[in-house]
Amino acid sequence: MASTLNDLTGTTVANAAVVPAGTGGSINVYPAAATDVLIDIDGYFAAPGTNGLSLHALAPCRVLDTRVPAGSPPFSGKMDVNVATSGCLLPAISGAYVLNATVLPPQPMGYLTLWAQGQPRPTVSTLNALDGAVTSNMALAPTNNGSISAYAASPTQLILDTVGYFAP
């Protein structure tokens, strides 16, 4: 038996997961204790086809670290990140990035959301750090132009590392 999410502190937690769908596209959820569960679907994997995107894995590479240079203040609100020019050798034709997002909030933080730059901000979280702890989560962030947007509801430092991308 394997777990998809562990929340021993009882805080609100976001978690990315790639889950195979069963009959009719259904999935099963098994919480070990009483809880509220929200499931947001970001996309799906389809059979290879015309104009489809394939996953290209990379060695981990740092796209962004808002702590650099040393002494940089935390950010809050919206920030655009040009992933394609980060030095991680990601092609401009990428349709989405596979990222690990880490927040280092100086105090309790509501949430962080990542999405395609130039698009409306979604109403879902990529991660939550309500207890103010260093928190990370995997994210599949779409892009139309090599950039993504990040929104922090409260001040935080942000680290984004890529481990792959989706492209033709």
N, C-alpha and C. Protein backbone atom coordinates (compact mmCIF):
# COMPACT_ATOMS: atom_id res chain seq x y z
N MET A 1 0.85 -1.18 0.00
CA MET A 1 0.00 0.00 0.00
C MET A 1 0.89 1.24 0.00
N ALA A 2 0.51 2.24 -0.76
CA ALA A 2 1.27 3.49 -0.85
C ALA A 2 0.34 4.66 -0.59
N SER A 3 0.92 5.75 -0.10
CA SER A 3 0.12 6.95 0.13
C SER A 3 0.41 7.98 -0.95
N THR A 4 -0.58 8.78 -1.25
CA THR A 4 -0.42 9.89 -2.17
C THR A 4 -0.17 11.18 -1.41
N LEU A 5 -0.70 11.27 -0.19
CA LEU A 5 -0.57 12.47 0.63
C LEU A 5 -0.59 12.06 2.10
N ASN A 6 0.31 12.65 2.87
CA ASN A 6 0.31 12.49 4.33
C ASN A 6 0.18 13.86 4.95
N ASP A 7 -0.69 14.03 5.92
CA ASP A 7 -0.90 15.31 6.59
C ASP A 7 -1.00 15.07 8.08
N LEU A 8 0.12 14.81 8.69
CA LEU A 8 0.15 14.48 10.12
C LEU A 8 -0.14 15.67 11.02
N THR A 9 0.05 16.91 10.49
CA THR A 9 -0.19 18.09 11.32
C THR A 9 -1.63 18.57 11.27
N GLY A 10 -2.43 18.04 10.33
CA GLY A 10 -3.84 18.41 10.25
C GLY A 10 -4.09 19.75 9.60
N THR A 11 -3.11 20.31 8.86
CA THR A 11 -3.31 21.58 8.17
C THR A 11 -3.91 21.34 6.79
N THR A 12 -4.31 22.40 6.13
CA THR A 12 -4.77 22.31 4.74
C THR A 12 -3.56 22.05 3.87
N VAL A 13 -3.61 21.00 3.05
CA VAL A 13 -2.46 20.60 2.24
C VAL A 13 -2.89 20.39 0.79
N ALA A 14 -2.08 20.90 -0.13
CA ALA A 14 -2.28 20.62 -1.56
C ALA A 14 -1.24 19.60 -1.98
N ASN A 15 -1.59 18.77 -2.94
CA ASN A 15 -0.67 17.76 -3.41
C ASN A 15 -0.98 17.43 -4.86
N ALA A 16 0.06 17.34 -5.68
CA ALA A 16 -0.11 16.94 -7.07
C ALA A 16 0.06 15.44 -7.16
N ALA A 17 -0.75 14.82 -7.99
CA ALA A 17 -0.65 13.38 -8.18
C ALA A 17 -1.08 13.03 -9.60
N VAL A 18 -0.39 12.08 -10.18
CA VAL A 18 -0.79 11.52 -11.46
C VAL A 18 -1.45 10.19 -11.12
N VAL A 19 -2.75 10.09 -11.41
CA VAL A 19 -3.54 8.94 -10.99
C VAL A 19 -4.19 8.30 -12.22
N PRO A 20 -4.01 7.00 -12.41
CA PRO A 20 -4.69 6.36 -13.54
C PRO A 20 -6.20 6.30 -13.31
N ALA A 21 -6.94 6.59 -14.35
CA ALA A 21 -8.40 6.57 -14.25
C ALA A 21 -8.91 5.16 -14.50
N GLY A 22 -9.99 4.84 -13.82
CA GLY A 22 -10.63 3.54 -14.00
C GLY A 22 -11.78 3.64 -14.97
N THR A 23 -12.71 2.74 -14.85
CA THR A 23 -13.88 2.68 -15.71
C THR A 23 -14.62 4.01 -15.69
N GLY A 24 -14.90 4.55 -16.87
CA GLY A 24 -15.63 5.80 -16.96
C GLY A 24 -14.85 7.00 -16.47
N GLY A 25 -13.54 6.87 -16.29
CA GLY A 25 -12.72 7.98 -15.82
C GLY A 25 -12.73 8.17 -14.31
N SER A 26 -13.24 7.20 -13.57
CA SER A 26 -13.35 7.36 -12.12
C SER A 26 -12.03 7.03 -11.42
N ILE A 27 -11.87 7.57 -10.21
CA ILE A 27 -10.74 7.24 -9.33
C ILE A 27 -11.30 6.93 -7.95
N ASN A 28 -10.53 6.26 -7.15
CA ASN A 28 -10.91 5.98 -5.77
C ASN A 28 -10.07 6.84 -4.83
N VAL A 29 -10.70 7.30 -3.75
CA VAL A 29 -10.01 8.07 -2.72
C VAL A 29 -10.25 7.37 -1.40
N TYR A 30 -9.16 7.10 -0.68
CA TYR A 30 -9.29 6.43 0.61
C TYR A 30 -8.57 7.25 1.69
N PRO A 31 -9.29 8.07 2.45
CA PRO A 31 -8.66 8.78 3.57
C PRO A 31 -8.62 7.86 4.80
N ALA A 32 -7.53 7.91 5.53
CA ALA A 32 -7.37 7.08 6.72
C ALA A 32 -8.15 7.64 7.91
N ALA A 33 -8.59 8.89 7.81
CA ALA A 33 -9.37 9.52 8.87
C ALA A 33 -10.37 10.47 8.22
N ALA A 34 -11.35 10.92 8.99
CA ALA A 34 -12.36 11.85 8.47
C ALA A 34 -11.69 13.12 7.97
N THR A 35 -12.06 13.54 6.76
CA THR A 35 -11.45 14.73 6.17
C THR A 35 -12.34 15.24 5.05
N ASP A 36 -12.09 16.46 4.63
CA ASP A 36 -12.70 17.01 3.42
C ASP A 36 -11.67 16.89 2.31
N VAL A 37 -12.09 16.46 1.14
CA VAL A 37 -11.19 16.28 0.00
C VAL A 37 -11.70 17.09 -1.17
N LEU A 38 -10.81 17.87 -1.79
CA LEU A 38 -11.09 18.59 -3.02
C LEU A 38 -10.19 18.02 -4.09
N ILE A 39 -10.73 17.71 -5.26
CA ILE A 39 -9.94 17.19 -6.36
C ILE A 39 -10.10 18.12 -7.55
N ASP A 40 -8.99 18.71 -7.98
CA ASP A 40 -8.97 19.56 -9.16
C ASP A 40 -8.23 18.82 -10.26
N ILE A 41 -8.81 18.73 -11.44
CA ILE A 41 -8.17 18.05 -12.55
C ILE A 41 -7.49 19.09 -13.42
N ASP A 42 -6.18 18.94 -13.59
CA ASP A 42 -5.40 19.89 -14.39
C ASP A 42 -5.24 19.45 -15.84
N GLY A 43 -5.50 18.20 -16.12
CA GLY A 43 -5.33 17.70 -17.47
C GLY A 43 -5.36 16.19 -17.47
N TYR A 44 -4.96 15.60 -18.58
CA TYR A 44 -4.96 14.15 -18.69
C TYR A 44 -3.91 13.74 -19.71
N PHE A 45 -3.53 12.50 -19.67
CA PHE A 45 -2.60 11.93 -20.65
C PHE A 45 -3.42 11.16 -21.66
N ALA A 46 -3.20 11.45 -22.93
CA ALA A 46 -3.93 10.79 -24.01
C ALA A 46 -2.95 9.93 -24.81
N ALA A 47 -3.50 9.07 -25.63
CA ALA A 47 -2.67 8.28 -26.54
C ALA A 47 -1.93 9.22 -27.48
N PRO A 48 -0.74 8.84 -27.93
CA PRO A 48 0.01 9.71 -28.85
C PRO A 48 -0.83 10.04 -30.08
N GLY A 49 -0.72 11.28 -30.51
CA GLY A 49 -1.49 11.71 -31.67
C GLY A 49 -0.92 12.98 -32.25
N THR A 50 -1.53 13.44 -33.32
CA THR A 50 -1.11 14.68 -33.97
C THR A 50 -1.20 15.84 -32.99
N ASN A 51 -0.16 16.64 -32.94
CA ASN A 51 -0.07 17.83 -32.07
C ASN A 51 -0.02 17.47 -30.59
N GLY A 52 0.23 16.22 -30.25
CA GLY A 52 0.35 15.83 -28.85
C GLY A 52 1.68 16.24 -28.27
N LEU A 53 1.77 16.27 -26.95
CA LEU A 53 3.00 16.61 -26.26
C LEU A 53 3.54 15.37 -25.55
N SER A 54 4.84 15.22 -25.53
CA SER A 54 5.49 14.12 -24.84
C SER A 54 6.30 14.66 -23.67
N LEU A 55 6.44 13.84 -22.64
CA LEU A 55 7.24 14.22 -21.48
C LEU A 55 8.71 14.01 -21.79
N HIS A 56 9.51 15.04 -21.50
CA HIS A 56 10.96 14.99 -21.64
C HIS A 56 11.55 15.23 -20.26
N ALA A 57 12.16 14.19 -19.70
CA ALA A 57 12.74 14.30 -18.36
C ALA A 57 14.11 14.98 -18.42
N LEU A 58 14.44 15.73 -17.38
CA LEU A 58 15.72 16.43 -17.26
C LEU A 58 16.32 16.16 -15.89
N ALA A 59 17.61 16.37 -15.78
CA ALA A 59 18.22 16.43 -14.45
C ALA A 59 17.65 17.67 -13.76
N PRO A 60 17.42 17.63 -12.46
CA PRO A 60 16.88 18.80 -11.77
C PRO A 60 17.71 20.06 -12.04
N CYS A 61 17.02 21.16 -12.25
CA CYS A 61 17.67 22.44 -12.55
C CYS A 61 16.89 23.57 -11.89
N ARG A 62 17.59 24.48 -11.24
CA ARG A 62 16.96 25.61 -10.54
C ARG A 62 16.54 26.68 -11.53
N VAL A 63 15.25 26.94 -11.61
CA VAL A 63 14.67 27.96 -12.49
C VAL A 63 14.63 29.31 -11.78
N LEU A 64 14.29 29.30 -10.49
CA LEU A 64 14.10 30.54 -9.74
C LEU A 64 14.41 30.30 -8.27
N ASP A 65 15.06 31.27 -7.65
CA ASP A 65 15.26 31.30 -6.20
C ASP A 65 15.19 32.76 -5.79
N THR A 66 14.06 33.17 -5.20
CA THR A 66 13.87 34.58 -4.85
C THR A 66 14.75 35.03 -3.69
N ARG A 67 15.49 34.10 -3.07
CA ARG A 67 16.43 34.48 -2.00
C ARG A 67 17.73 35.04 -2.57
N VAL A 68 17.91 34.91 -3.90
CA VAL A 68 19.14 35.36 -4.56
C VAL A 68 18.84 36.65 -5.30
N PRO A 69 19.63 37.71 -5.08
CA PRO A 69 20.80 37.74 -4.21
C PRO A 69 20.42 37.69 -2.73
N ALA A 70 21.39 37.32 -1.91
CA ALA A 70 21.16 37.21 -0.47
C ALA A 70 20.54 38.49 0.06
N GLY A 71 19.57 38.33 0.95
CA GLY A 71 18.89 39.47 1.55
C GLY A 71 17.68 39.95 0.77
N SER A 72 17.36 39.30 -0.35
CA SER A 72 16.18 39.70 -1.12
C SER A 72 14.93 39.48 -0.28
N PRO A 73 14.01 40.45 -0.29
CA PRO A 73 12.80 40.30 0.51
C PRO A 73 11.85 39.27 -0.08
N PRO A 74 10.97 38.71 0.75
CA PRO A 74 9.94 37.81 0.23
C PRO A 74 9.02 38.56 -0.73
N PHE A 75 8.37 37.84 -1.61
CA PHE A 75 7.41 38.46 -2.50
C PHE A 75 6.01 38.01 -2.10
N SER A 76 5.02 38.78 -2.51
CA SER A 76 3.63 38.38 -2.40
C SER A 76 2.92 38.96 -3.61
N GLY A 77 1.76 38.41 -3.91
CA GLY A 77 1.06 38.83 -5.12
C GLY A 77 1.56 38.05 -6.31
N LYS A 78 1.46 38.65 -7.50
CA LYS A 78 1.78 37.96 -8.75
C LYS A 78 3.21 38.23 -9.19
N MET A 79 3.86 37.18 -9.70
CA MET A 79 5.20 37.29 -10.28
C MET A 79 5.22 36.44 -11.54
N ASP A 80 5.75 37.01 -12.64
CA ASP A 80 5.94 36.24 -13.86
C ASP A 80 7.36 35.67 -13.87
N VAL A 81 7.49 34.42 -14.33
CA VAL A 81 8.77 33.73 -14.37
C VAL A 81 8.99 33.21 -15.78
N ASN A 82 10.06 33.68 -16.44
CA ASN A 82 10.40 33.20 -17.77
C ASN A 82 11.23 31.93 -17.60
N VAL A 83 10.58 30.80 -17.67
CA VAL A 83 11.23 29.51 -17.46
C VAL A 83 12.16 29.18 -18.64
N ALA A 84 11.75 29.53 -19.86
CA ALA A 84 12.52 29.18 -21.05
C ALA A 84 13.90 29.81 -21.06
N THR A 85 14.07 30.98 -20.43
CA THR A 85 15.36 31.66 -20.42
C THR A 85 16.10 31.49 -19.10
N SER A 86 15.70 30.51 -18.30
CA SER A 86 16.28 30.33 -16.96
C SER A 86 17.67 29.72 -16.96
N GLY A 87 18.14 29.23 -18.09
CA GLY A 87 19.43 28.55 -18.13
C GLY A 87 19.30 27.05 -17.95
N CYS A 88 18.08 26.54 -17.90
CA CYS A 88 17.85 25.10 -17.69
C CYS A 88 17.69 24.34 -19.00
N LEU A 89 17.98 24.98 -20.12
CA LEU A 89 17.94 24.35 -21.44
C LEU A 89 16.57 23.78 -21.80
N LEU A 90 15.54 24.55 -21.51
CA LEU A 90 14.17 24.16 -21.86
C LEU A 90 13.81 24.81 -23.19
N PRO A 91 13.26 24.04 -24.13
CA PRO A 91 12.94 24.62 -25.44
C PRO A 91 11.76 25.58 -25.37
N ALA A 92 11.80 26.57 -26.25
CA ALA A 92 10.73 27.57 -26.31
C ALA A 92 9.40 26.95 -26.72
N ILE A 93 9.42 25.76 -27.35
CA ILE A 93 8.19 25.12 -27.80
C ILE A 93 7.52 24.30 -26.70
N SER A 94 8.02 24.37 -25.48
CA SER A 94 7.41 23.63 -24.38
C SER A 94 5.96 24.05 -24.20
N GLY A 95 5.11 23.07 -23.91
CA GLY A 95 3.71 23.35 -23.65
C GLY A 95 3.38 23.33 -22.17
N ALA A 96 4.29 22.75 -21.37
CA ALA A 96 4.12 22.70 -19.92
C ALA A 96 5.45 22.31 -19.29
N TYR A 97 5.62 22.70 -18.04
CA TYR A 97 6.83 22.39 -17.29
C TYR A 97 6.49 21.50 -16.10
N VAL A 98 7.39 20.59 -15.79
CA VAL A 98 7.28 19.77 -14.59
C VAL A 98 8.20 20.44 -13.56
N LEU A 99 7.60 20.96 -12.49
CA LEU A 99 8.33 21.76 -11.51
C LEU A 99 8.16 21.22 -10.11
N ASN A 100 9.12 21.49 -9.28
CA ASN A 100 8.96 21.34 -7.84
C ASN A 100 8.96 22.76 -7.29
N ALA A 101 7.86 23.15 -6.65
CA ALA A 101 7.73 24.48 -6.07
C ALA A 101 7.94 24.37 -4.56
N THR A 102 8.79 25.22 -4.02
CA THR A 102 9.05 25.25 -2.58
C THR A 102 8.86 26.67 -2.08
N VAL A 103 8.08 26.83 -1.02
CA VAL A 103 7.94 28.14 -0.38
C VAL A 103 8.65 28.11 0.97
N LEU A 104 9.23 29.25 1.33
CA LEU A 104 9.91 29.44 2.61
C LEU A 104 9.31 30.68 3.25
N PRO A 105 8.09 30.57 3.79
CA PRO A 105 7.40 31.75 4.30
C PRO A 105 7.94 32.16 5.67
N PRO A 106 8.03 33.48 5.93
CA PRO A 106 8.48 33.94 7.24
C PRO A 106 7.38 33.85 8.29
N GLN A 107 6.16 33.55 7.86
CA GLN A 107 4.99 33.47 8.75
C GLN A 107 3.96 32.56 8.08
N PRO A 108 2.86 32.24 8.73
CA PRO A 108 1.84 31.44 8.05
C PRO A 108 1.46 32.05 6.71
N MET A 109 1.34 31.19 5.72
CA MET A 109 1.05 31.62 4.35
C MET A 109 -0.17 30.89 3.84
N GLY A 110 -1.05 31.58 3.20
CA GLY A 110 -2.26 30.96 2.67
C GLY A 110 -1.97 29.94 1.59
N TYR A 111 -1.56 30.40 0.42
CA TYR A 111 -1.37 29.47 -0.69
C TYR A 111 -0.48 30.07 -1.75
N LEU A 112 0.00 29.19 -2.63
CA LEU A 112 0.74 29.55 -3.84
C LEU A 112 0.02 28.90 -5.01
N THR A 113 -0.13 29.64 -6.11
CA THR A 113 -0.72 29.11 -7.33
C THR A 113 0.23 29.37 -8.49
N LEU A 114 0.42 28.37 -9.36
CA LEU A 114 1.20 28.50 -10.59
C LEU A 114 0.27 28.26 -11.78
N TRP A 115 0.47 29.03 -12.86
CA TRP A 115 -0.36 28.87 -14.05
C TRP A 115 0.33 29.49 -15.26
N ALA A 116 -0.26 29.33 -16.45
CA ALA A 116 0.30 29.87 -17.68
C ALA A 116 0.25 31.39 -17.67
N GLN A 117 1.40 32.03 -17.86
CA GLN A 117 1.48 33.49 -17.89
C GLN A 117 0.60 34.01 -19.02
N GLY A 118 -0.13 35.09 -18.75
CA GLY A 118 -1.03 35.67 -19.73
C GLY A 118 -2.45 35.14 -19.65
N GLN A 119 -2.67 34.12 -18.84
CA GLN A 119 -4.00 33.54 -18.65
C GLN A 119 -4.57 34.02 -17.31
N PRO A 120 -5.88 33.94 -17.11
CA PRO A 120 -6.45 34.31 -15.80
C PRO A 120 -5.93 33.37 -14.70
N ARG A 121 -5.73 33.91 -13.51
CA ARG A 121 -5.29 33.10 -12.38
C ARG A 121 -6.38 32.12 -12.00
N PRO A 122 -6.04 30.83 -11.88
CA PRO A 122 -7.04 29.84 -11.47
C PRO A 122 -7.40 30.00 -9.99
N THR A 123 -8.51 29.42 -9.61
CA THR A 123 -8.98 29.53 -8.23
C THR A 123 -8.59 28.31 -7.40
N VAL A 124 -7.47 27.68 -7.75
CA VAL A 124 -6.99 26.51 -7.01
C VAL A 124 -5.56 26.79 -6.54
N SER A 125 -5.12 26.05 -5.52
CA SER A 125 -3.77 26.23 -5.01
C SER A 125 -2.83 25.16 -5.55
N THR A 126 -1.57 25.54 -5.72
CA THR A 126 -0.53 24.58 -6.04
C THR A 126 0.02 24.00 -4.75
N LEU A 127 0.10 24.84 -3.72
CA LEU A 127 0.48 24.37 -2.39
C LEU A 127 -0.03 25.32 -1.33
N ASN A 128 -0.12 24.84 -0.10
CA ASN A 128 -0.56 25.62 1.05
C ASN A 128 0.50 25.51 2.15
N ALA A 129 0.72 26.61 2.88
CA ALA A 129 1.66 26.60 4.00
C ALA A 129 1.04 27.37 5.16
N LEU A 130 -0.14 26.93 5.58
CA LEU A 130 -0.88 27.63 6.63
C LEU A 130 -0.14 27.63 7.96
N ASP A 131 0.75 26.66 8.17
CA ASP A 131 1.51 26.61 9.42
C ASP A 131 2.82 27.39 9.33
N GLY A 132 3.12 28.00 8.19
CA GLY A 132 4.33 28.78 8.03
C GLY A 132 5.58 27.95 7.83
N ALA A 133 5.43 26.65 7.62
CA ALA A 133 6.58 25.76 7.44
C ALA A 133 7.05 25.77 5.99
N VAL A 134 8.32 25.44 5.79
CA VAL A 134 8.84 25.24 4.44
C VAL A 134 8.03 24.11 3.82
N THR A 135 7.45 24.36 2.65
CA THR A 135 6.52 23.41 2.02
C THR A 135 6.84 23.31 0.54
N SER A 136 6.75 22.09 -0.01
CA SER A 136 6.98 21.92 -1.44
C SER A 136 5.91 21.01 -2.04
N ASN A 137 5.78 21.10 -3.35
CA ASN A 137 4.83 20.26 -4.07
C ASN A 137 5.23 20.24 -5.53
N MET A 138 4.94 19.12 -6.20
CA MET A 138 5.14 19.03 -7.63
C MET A 138 4.03 19.81 -8.34
N ALA A 139 4.38 20.38 -9.48
CA ALA A 139 3.39 21.10 -10.28
C ALA A 139 3.64 20.84 -11.75
N LEU A 140 2.58 20.66 -12.51
CA LEU A 140 2.64 20.65 -13.96
C LEU A 140 2.06 21.99 -14.38
N ALA A 141 2.94 22.90 -14.80
CA ALA A 141 2.52 24.27 -15.10
C ALA A 141 2.49 24.48 -16.61
N PRO A 142 1.32 24.77 -17.17
CA PRO A 142 1.24 25.00 -18.61
C PRO A 142 1.88 26.33 -18.99
N THR A 143 2.28 26.43 -20.26
CA THR A 143 2.84 27.68 -20.77
C THR A 143 2.44 27.85 -22.23
N ASN A 144 2.25 29.10 -22.62
CA ASN A 144 1.97 29.42 -24.02
C ASN A 144 3.14 30.17 -24.65
N ASN A 145 4.07 30.65 -23.80
CA ASN A 145 5.11 31.54 -24.28
C ASN A 145 6.46 31.35 -23.56
N GLY A 146 6.65 30.24 -22.87
CA GLY A 146 7.89 30.01 -22.14
C GLY A 146 7.89 30.57 -20.74
N SER A 147 6.81 31.25 -20.35
CA SER A 147 6.71 31.84 -19.02
C SER A 147 5.51 31.27 -18.27
N ILE A 148 5.61 31.33 -16.95
CA ILE A 148 4.49 30.98 -16.08
C ILE A 148 4.30 32.14 -15.10
N SER A 149 3.18 32.14 -14.41
CA SER A 149 2.93 33.12 -13.36
C SER A 149 2.82 32.39 -12.03
N ALA A 150 3.25 33.08 -10.98
CA ALA A 150 3.13 32.57 -9.62
C ALA A 150 2.40 33.63 -8.80
N TYR A 151 1.49 33.18 -7.95
CA TYR A 151 0.78 34.08 -7.05
C TYR A 151 0.92 33.55 -5.63
N ALA A 152 1.47 34.38 -4.75
CA ALA A 152 1.58 34.04 -3.33
C ALA A 152 0.59 34.90 -2.56
N ALA A 153 -0.28 34.27 -1.78
CA ALA A 153 -1.30 34.99 -1.02
C ALA A 153 -0.69 35.77 0.14
N SER A 154 0.50 35.37 0.59
CA SER A 154 1.20 36.02 1.69
C SER A 154 2.69 36.05 1.34
N PRO A 155 3.47 36.91 2.02
CA PRO A 155 4.90 36.98 1.69
C PRO A 155 5.60 35.63 1.85
N THR A 156 6.47 35.33 0.89
CA THR A 156 7.25 34.10 0.92
C THR A 156 8.45 34.22 0.00
N GLN A 157 9.44 33.40 0.24
CA GLN A 157 10.49 33.17 -0.75
C GLN A 157 10.00 31.99 -1.58
N LEU A 158 10.41 31.92 -2.84
CA LEU A 158 9.96 30.87 -3.73
C LEU A 158 11.14 30.26 -4.46
N ILE A 159 11.18 28.94 -4.48
CA ILE A 159 12.18 28.20 -5.25
C ILE A 159 11.41 27.35 -6.25
N LEU A 160 11.80 27.42 -7.52
CA LEU A 160 11.23 26.58 -8.56
C LEU A 160 12.35 25.78 -9.20
N ASP A 161 12.24 24.47 -9.17
CA ASP A 161 13.19 23.57 -9.81
C ASP A 161 12.43 22.79 -10.87
N THR A 162 13.03 22.62 -12.05
CA THR A 162 12.40 21.83 -13.10
C THR A 162 13.05 20.46 -13.19
N VAL A 163 12.24 19.48 -13.54
CA VAL A 163 12.73 18.12 -13.75
C VAL A 163 12.26 17.60 -15.11
N GLY A 164 11.61 18.47 -15.90
CA GLY A 164 11.16 18.05 -17.20
C GLY A 164 10.21 19.05 -17.84
N TYR A 165 9.79 18.71 -19.05
CA TYR A 165 8.86 19.55 -19.78
C TYR A 165 8.07 18.68 -20.74
N PHE A 166 6.95 19.21 -21.22
CA PHE A 166 6.14 18.55 -22.23
C PHE A 166 6.29 19.36 -23.52
N ALA A 167 6.59 18.66 -24.62
CA ALA A 167 6.75 19.31 -25.93
C ALA A 167 6.48 18.29 -27.02
N PRO A 168 6.28 18.77 -28.26
CA PRO A 168 6.08 17.85 -29.38
C PRO A 168 7.30 16.96 -29.58
